[in-house]
Amino acid sequence: MKSKLLHDENGVKTFALVFDKDDEVKESLLRFAAENALRGTQVTAIGGFSEVTLAFFDRQKKSYQEIPVKEQVEVLSFLGNIVEKDGNPMLHAHAVIGKRDGTAHGGHFLNGRVWPTLEMIVTETPVHLRRLKDEETGLPLIDLSA
């Protein structure tokens, strides 16, 4: 993955990230976030995956139902944030992917392997956020009280 700082003013930083063929997105992105101390970040991306795992949150089971897609797809939309959880950056993102036949699938992004590229814009705000476990759902939700 290659990165370039595009803007750095008044606590707002914007980076462009270009993932290489076969990069695993979540692992690479979280490593970049840790190296740059990103904790209040918006991310957007487009590109392609050779495989991706999305998920749907099952409210009754309080867990994610995985949706593996083991084929080449277009990344039509990738939106999310990176926020601190237990002192580390945590990615929360959703993706919409397009298949060869034009159908779209979407959900919570778990992981994906890039092919041929993924072009991402990362914008860090001057205020860092954090996540705390919500007792009702078991999910780490953004806590604005801190």
Protein backbone atom coordinates (compact mmCIF):
# COMPACT_ATOMS: atom_id res chain seq x y z
CA MET A 1 0.00 0.00 0.00
CA LYS A 2 1.22 3.47 -0.87
CA SER A 3 0.15 6.63 0.93
CA LYS A 4 0.47 10.36 0.49
CA LEU A 5 -0.43 13.19 2.87
CA LEU A 6 -2.59 15.57 0.83
CA HIS A 7 -3.53 18.14 3.46
CA ASP A 8 -2.47 19.02 7.01
CA GLU A 9 -3.96 22.17 8.49
CA ASN A 10 -5.60 23.08 11.82
CA GLY A 11 -5.61 19.47 13.01
CA VAL A 12 -7.29 18.13 9.87
CA LYS A 13 -5.23 15.66 7.84
CA THR A 14 -6.20 14.05 4.57
CA PHE A 15 -4.35 11.10 3.09
CA ALA A 16 -4.67 9.23 -0.20
CA LEU A 17 -4.03 5.50 0.08
CA VAL A 18 -3.58 3.23 -2.93
CA PHE A 19 -3.62 -0.46 -2.08
CA ASP A 20 -1.52 -2.89 -4.08
CA LYS A 21 -2.72 -6.06 -5.78
CA ASP A 22 -3.39 -8.80 -3.20
CA ASP A 23 -3.24 -6.43 -0.18
CA GLU A 24 -5.57 -7.42 2.65
CA VAL A 25 -7.45 -4.16 3.31
CA LYS A 26 -8.31 -4.28 6.99
CA GLU A 27 -4.86 -5.38 8.14
CA SER A 28 -3.05 -2.80 5.97
CA LEU A 29 -5.40 0.03 6.91
CA LEU A 30 -5.21 -0.63 10.65
CA ARG A 31 -1.41 -0.78 10.48
CA PHE A 32 -1.42 2.60 8.69
CA ALA A 33 -3.82 4.01 11.30
CA ALA A 34 -1.62 2.80 14.17
CA GLU A 35 1.55 4.22 12.57
CA ASN A 36 -0.16 7.61 12.08
CA ALA A 37 -2.09 7.66 15.41
CA LEU A 38 -5.44 7.95 13.60
CA ARG A 39 -8.38 7.80 16.01
CA GLY A 40 -11.12 10.03 14.58
CA THR A 41 -11.06 9.21 10.90
CA GLN A 42 -13.48 8.97 7.99
CA VAL A 43 -12.64 6.63 5.10
CA THR A 44 -14.07 6.29 1.59
CA ALA A 45 -12.86 4.08 -1.25
CA ILE A 46 -13.55 2.59 -4.67
CA GLY A 47 -11.76 -0.16 -6.55
CA GLY A 48 -11.94 -3.92 -6.76
CA PHE A 49 -11.66 -7.07 -4.66
CA SER A 50 -10.71 -10.57 -5.73
CA GLU A 51 -12.61 -11.75 -2.66
CA VAL A 52 -14.41 -10.06 0.20
CA THR A 53 -16.29 -10.98 3.34
CA LEU A 54 -19.25 -8.80 4.26
CA ALA A 55 -21.59 -9.38 7.18
CA PHE A 56 -25.07 -8.69 8.48
CA PHE A 57 -25.69 -8.12 12.20
CA ASP A 58 -28.19 -10.63 13.58
CA ARG A 59 -30.02 -8.75 16.30
CA GLN A 60 -31.34 -11.84 18.10
CA LYS A 61 -27.98 -13.67 18.14
CA LYS A 62 -26.01 -10.44 18.77
CA SER A 63 -23.42 -11.55 16.23
CA TYR A 64 -22.49 -11.03 12.60
CA GLN A 65 -23.61 -13.46 9.92
CA GLU A 66 -20.75 -13.66 7.42
CA ILE A 67 -21.40 -13.18 3.70
CA PRO A 68 -18.31 -14.48 1.85
CA VAL A 69 -17.96 -13.49 -1.81
CA LYS A 70 -15.24 -15.53 -3.52
CA GLU A 71 -15.14 -13.83 -6.92
CA GLN A 72 -13.88 -10.67 -8.59
CA VAL A 73 -16.10 -7.69 -7.72
CA GLU A 74 -16.11 -3.92 -8.11
CA VAL A 75 -16.08 -1.85 -4.92
CA LEU A 76 -18.95 0.51 -5.66
CA SER A 77 -18.88 2.15 -2.26
CA PHE A 78 -16.74 1.77 0.85
CA LEU A 79 -17.59 4.07 3.78
CA GLY A 80 -16.50 3.96 7.35
CA ASN A 81 -14.49 5.29 10.22
CA ILE A 82 -11.51 4.46 12.38
CA VAL A 83 -12.04 5.12 16.07
CA GLU A 84 -10.12 4.08 19.17
CA LYS A 85 -11.18 0.93 21.02
CA ASP A 86 -9.15 -0.24 24.01
CA GLY A 87 -6.27 2.00 22.97
CA ASN A 88 -6.08 0.70 19.39
CA PRO A 89 -7.58 1.85 16.10
CA MET A 90 -10.77 0.00 15.12
CA LEU A 91 -12.25 0.02 11.62
CA HIS A 92 -16.02 0.14 11.21
CA ALA A 93 -16.95 0.15 7.54
CA HIS A 94 -19.72 -0.86 5.18
CA ALA A 95 -19.25 -1.77 1.54
CA VAL A 96 -21.39 -2.20 -1.54
CA ILE A 97 -19.90 -4.47 -4.18
CA GLY A 98 -20.96 -5.09 -7.76
CA LYS A 99 -20.80 -8.50 -9.42
CA ARG A 100 -20.18 -9.31 -13.08
CA ASP A 101 -23.93 -9.59 -13.76
CA GLY A 102 -24.58 -6.11 -12.36
CA THR A 103 -26.10 -7.24 -9.06
CA ALA A 104 -24.99 -5.47 -5.92
CA HIS A 105 -24.38 -6.85 -2.45
CA GLY A 106 -23.66 -4.88 0.66
CA GLY A 107 -23.02 -5.10 4.35
CA HIS A 108 -20.61 -4.62 7.19
CA PHE A 109 -17.03 -4.98 5.88
CA LEU A 110 -15.00 -7.71 7.57
CA ASN A 111 -12.10 -8.17 5.16
CA GLY A 112 -11.19 -8.08 1.50
CA ARG A 113 -8.30 -8.80 -0.84
CA VAL A 114 -7.54 -6.07 -3.38
CA TRP A 115 -7.48 -6.67 -7.14
CA PRO A 116 -6.40 -4.67 -9.07
CA THR A 117 -6.51 -1.57 -6.83
CA LEU A 118 -8.36 0.14 -4.02
CA GLU A 119 -8.19 3.94 -3.92
CA MET A 120 -9.02 5.37 -0.52
CA ILE A 121 -9.29 8.84 0.99
CA VAL A 122 -8.67 9.03 4.73
CA THR A 123 -9.61 12.21 6.61
CA GLU A 124 -8.51 12.63 10.22
CA THR A 125 -10.31 15.15 12.43
CA PRO A 126 -8.58 17.05 15.25
CA VAL A 127 -10.77 15.34 17.88
CA HIS A 128 -10.20 11.66 18.56
CA LEU A 129 -13.13 9.39 19.32
CA ARG A 130 -13.41 6.10 21.19
CA ARG A 131 -15.66 3.08 21.29
CA LEU A 132 -17.17 1.40 24.33
CA LYS A 133 -19.09 -1.85 24.50
CA ASP A 134 -22.86 -1.37 24.41
CA GLU A 135 -24.32 -3.83 26.92
CA GLU A 136 -27.61 -4.30 25.04
CA THR A 137 -26.08 -5.25 21.68
CA GLY A 138 -22.57 -6.28 22.68
CA LEU A 139 -21.21 -3.98 19.97
CA PRO A 140 -18.44 -1.40 20.42
CA LEU A 141 -20.28 1.88 19.75
CA ILE A 142 -18.87 5.40 19.58
CA ASP A 143 -18.99 7.09 22.98
CA LEU A 144 -19.48 10.85 22.71
CA SER A 145 -19.45 11.43 26.48
CA ALA A 146 -15.65 11.32 26.68
